[in-house]
Amino acid sequence: MQNMTLEQLRTTFHAGGLAAARVVATGKRFHVVADTKGGDRVVLVRHSDTTARAFSDPGTALKLLREVGFQVVAVDMTAWQPGQGAL
């Protein structure tokens, strides 16, 4: 899995390099994951320290993906546990 900052995700999307995006739940947080047309999977990371960018509200992640240009996004709630406390 590769890491991409928001700027890299935007650039790759506008260059036609991304096939799909989804918001994935882990515990009570959400992350953005995208698939490249080459078959690789990328995760959106923070620019400051390259850790996975986490969202407490899935709507914020969806809004970000819409602003990038995605019109169809999947949401994976398999590992969503909204009542989970901080680790």
C-alpha atoms as a PDB file:
ATOM      1  CA  MET A   1       0.000   0.000   0.000  1.00  0.00           C
ATOM      2  CA  GLN A   2       1.304   3.437  -0.924  1.00  0.00           C
ATOM      3  CA  ASN A   3       0.823   6.742   0.879  1.00  0.00           C
ATOM      4  CA  MET A   4      -0.397   9.948  -0.767  1.00  0.00           C
ATOM      5  CA  THR A   5      -0.911  13.422   0.590  1.00  0.00           C
ATOM      6  CA  LEU A   6      -4.018  15.333  -0.415  1.00  0.00           C
ATOM      7  CA  GLU A   7      -2.057  17.242  -3.056  1.00  0.00           C
ATOM      8  CA  GLN A   8      -0.734  13.994  -4.541  1.00  0.00           C
ATOM      9  CA  LEU A   9      -4.213  12.449  -4.484  1.00  0.00           C
ATOM     10  CA  ARG A  10      -5.632  15.466  -6.345  1.00  0.00           C
ATOM     11  CA  THR A  11      -2.845  15.443  -8.919  1.00  0.00           C
ATOM     12  CA  THR A  12      -3.170  11.706  -9.525  1.00  0.00           C
ATOM     13  CA  PHE A  13      -6.956  11.971  -9.822  1.00  0.00           C
ATOM     14  CA  HIS A  14      -6.805  14.825 -12.332  1.00  0.00           C
ATOM     15  CA  ALA A  15      -4.151  12.972 -14.329  1.00  0.00           C
ATOM     16  CA  GLY A  16      -6.579  10.047 -14.607  1.00  0.00           C
ATOM     17  CA  GLY A  17      -4.548   7.706 -12.434  1.00  0.00           C
ATOM     18  CA  LEU A  18      -7.201   6.715  -9.893  1.00  0.00           C
ATOM     19  CA  ALA A  19      -9.905   4.127 -10.536  1.00  0.00           C
ATOM     20  CA  ALA A  20     -11.945   4.278  -7.308  1.00  0.00           C
ATOM     21  CA  ALA A  21     -12.057   5.653  -3.788  1.00  0.00           C
ATOM     22  CA  ARG A  22     -13.651   4.571  -0.555  1.00  0.00           C
ATOM     23  CA  VAL A  23     -14.001   5.652   3.028  1.00  0.00           C
ATOM     24  CA  VAL A  24     -12.961   2.836   5.362  1.00  0.00           C
ATOM     25  CA  ALA A  25     -13.949   2.662   9.022  1.00  0.00           C
ATOM     26  CA  THR A  26     -11.507   1.448  11.654  1.00  0.00           C
ATOM     27  CA  GLY A  27     -12.829   1.607  15.193  1.00  0.00           C
ATOM     28  CA  LYS A  28     -14.540   4.975  15.440  1.00  0.00           C
ATOM     29  CA  ARG A  29     -12.330   6.683  12.825  1.00  0.00           C
ATOM     30  CA  PHE A  30     -12.521   6.801   9.044  1.00  0.00           C
ATOM     31  CA  HIS A  31      -9.725   6.784   6.454  1.00  0.00           C
ATOM     32  CA  VAL A  32      -9.613   7.455   2.727  1.00  0.00           C
ATOM     33  CA  VAL A  33      -8.310   4.682   0.490  1.00  0.00           C
ATOM     34  CA  ALA A  34      -8.059   4.795  -3.304  1.00  0.00           C
ATOM     35  CA  ASP A  35      -7.194   2.314  -6.042  1.00  0.00           C
ATOM     36  CA  THR A  36      -4.904   3.338  -8.865  1.00  0.00           C
ATOM     37  CA  LYS A  37      -5.577   2.274 -12.419  1.00  0.00           C
ATOM     38  CA  GLY A  38      -2.333   0.286 -12.163  1.00  0.00           C
ATOM     39  CA  GLY A  39      -3.856  -1.858  -9.406  1.00  0.00           C
ATOM     40  CA  ASP A  40      -2.076  -0.326  -6.415  1.00  0.00           C
ATOM     41  CA  ARG A  41      -3.900   0.796  -3.301  1.00  0.00           C
ATOM     42  CA  VAL A  42      -3.122   4.151  -1.701  1.00  0.00           C
ATOM     43  CA  VAL A  43      -4.067   5.650   1.636  1.00  0.00           C
ATOM     44  CA  LEU A  44      -4.484   9.375   2.249  1.00  0.00           C
ATOM     45  CA  VAL A  45      -1.886  10.622   4.736  1.00  0.00           C
ATOM     46  CA  ARG A  46      -1.244  13.878   6.534  1.00  0.00           C
ATOM     47  CA  HIS A  47       1.339  16.086   4.880  1.00  0.00           C
ATOM     48  CA  SER A  48       3.015  16.977   8.173  1.00  0.00           C
ATOM     49  CA  ASP A  49       4.050  13.501   9.322  1.00  0.00           C
ATOM     50  CA  THR A  50       2.736  11.047   6.679  1.00  0.00           C
ATOM     51  CA  THR A  51       0.509   9.172   9.117  1.00  0.00           C
ATOM     52  CA  ALA A  52      -2.884   8.059   7.861  1.00  0.00           C
ATOM     53  CA  ARG A  53      -5.301  10.968   7.863  1.00  0.00           C
ATOM     54  CA  ALA A  54      -8.166  10.043  10.195  1.00  0.00           C
ATOM     55  CA  PHE A  55     -11.648  11.537  10.195  1.00  0.00           C
ATOM     56  CA  SER A  56     -14.070  11.328  13.106  1.00  0.00           C
ATOM     57  CA  ASP A  57     -16.968  12.164  10.777  1.00  0.00           C
ATOM     58  CA  PRO A  58     -17.360  10.168   7.538  1.00  0.00           C
ATOM     59  CA  GLY A  59     -19.143  13.154   6.005  1.00  0.00           C
ATOM     60  CA  THR A  60     -15.931  15.165   6.174  1.00  0.00           C
ATOM     61  CA  ALA A  61     -14.043  12.437   4.302  1.00  0.00           C
ATOM     62  CA  LEU A  62     -16.808  12.230   1.698  1.00  0.00           C
ATOM     63  CA  LYS A  63     -16.786  16.008   1.246  1.00  0.00           C
ATOM     64  CA  LEU A  64     -13.015  15.951   0.726  1.00  0.00           C
ATOM     65  CA  LEU A  65     -13.326  13.244  -1.931  1.00  0.00           C
ATOM     66  CA  ARG A  66     -16.073  15.211  -3.671  1.00  0.00           C
ATOM     67  CA  GLU A  67     -13.842  18.293  -3.716  1.00  0.00           C
ATOM     68  CA  VAL A  68     -11.064  16.208  -5.280  1.00  0.00           C
ATOM     69  CA  GLY A  69     -13.519  15.248  -8.026  1.00  0.00           C
ATOM     70  CA  PHE A  70     -14.877  11.827  -7.150  1.00  0.00           C
ATOM     71  CA  GLN A  71     -18.574  11.392  -7.869  1.00  0.00           C
ATOM     72  CA  VAL A  72     -18.932   7.781  -6.722  1.00  0.00           C
ATOM     73  CA  VAL A  73     -17.370   6.610  -3.459  1.00  0.00           C
ATOM     74  CA  ALA A  74     -17.844   3.364  -1.529  1.00  0.00           C
ATOM     75  CA  VAL A  75     -18.048   3.240   2.268  1.00  0.00           C
ATOM     76  CA  ASP A  76     -16.708   0.181   4.126  1.00  0.00           C
ATOM     77  CA  MET A  77     -18.172   0.009   7.636  1.00  0.00           C
ATOM     78  CA  THR A  78     -17.078  -3.569   8.377  1.00  0.00           C
ATOM     79  CA  ALA A  79     -14.730  -2.544  11.196  1.00  0.00           C
ATOM     80  CA  TRP A  80     -16.785   0.445  12.400  1.00  0.00           C
ATOM     81  CA  GLN A  81     -17.231   0.536  16.168  1.00  0.00           C
ATOM     82  CA  PRO A  82     -18.683   3.935  17.013  1.00  0.00           C
ATOM     83  CA  GLY A  83     -18.693   3.260  20.753  1.00  0.00           C
ATOM     84  CA  GLN A  84     -15.013   2.337  20.924  1.00  0.00           C
ATOM     85  CA  GLY A  85     -12.969   4.498  23.282  1.00  0.00           C
ATOM     86  CA  ALA A  86      -9.573   5.987  22.525  1.00  0.00           C
ATOM     87  CA  LEU A  87      -6.697   3.541  22.378  1.00  0.00           C
END
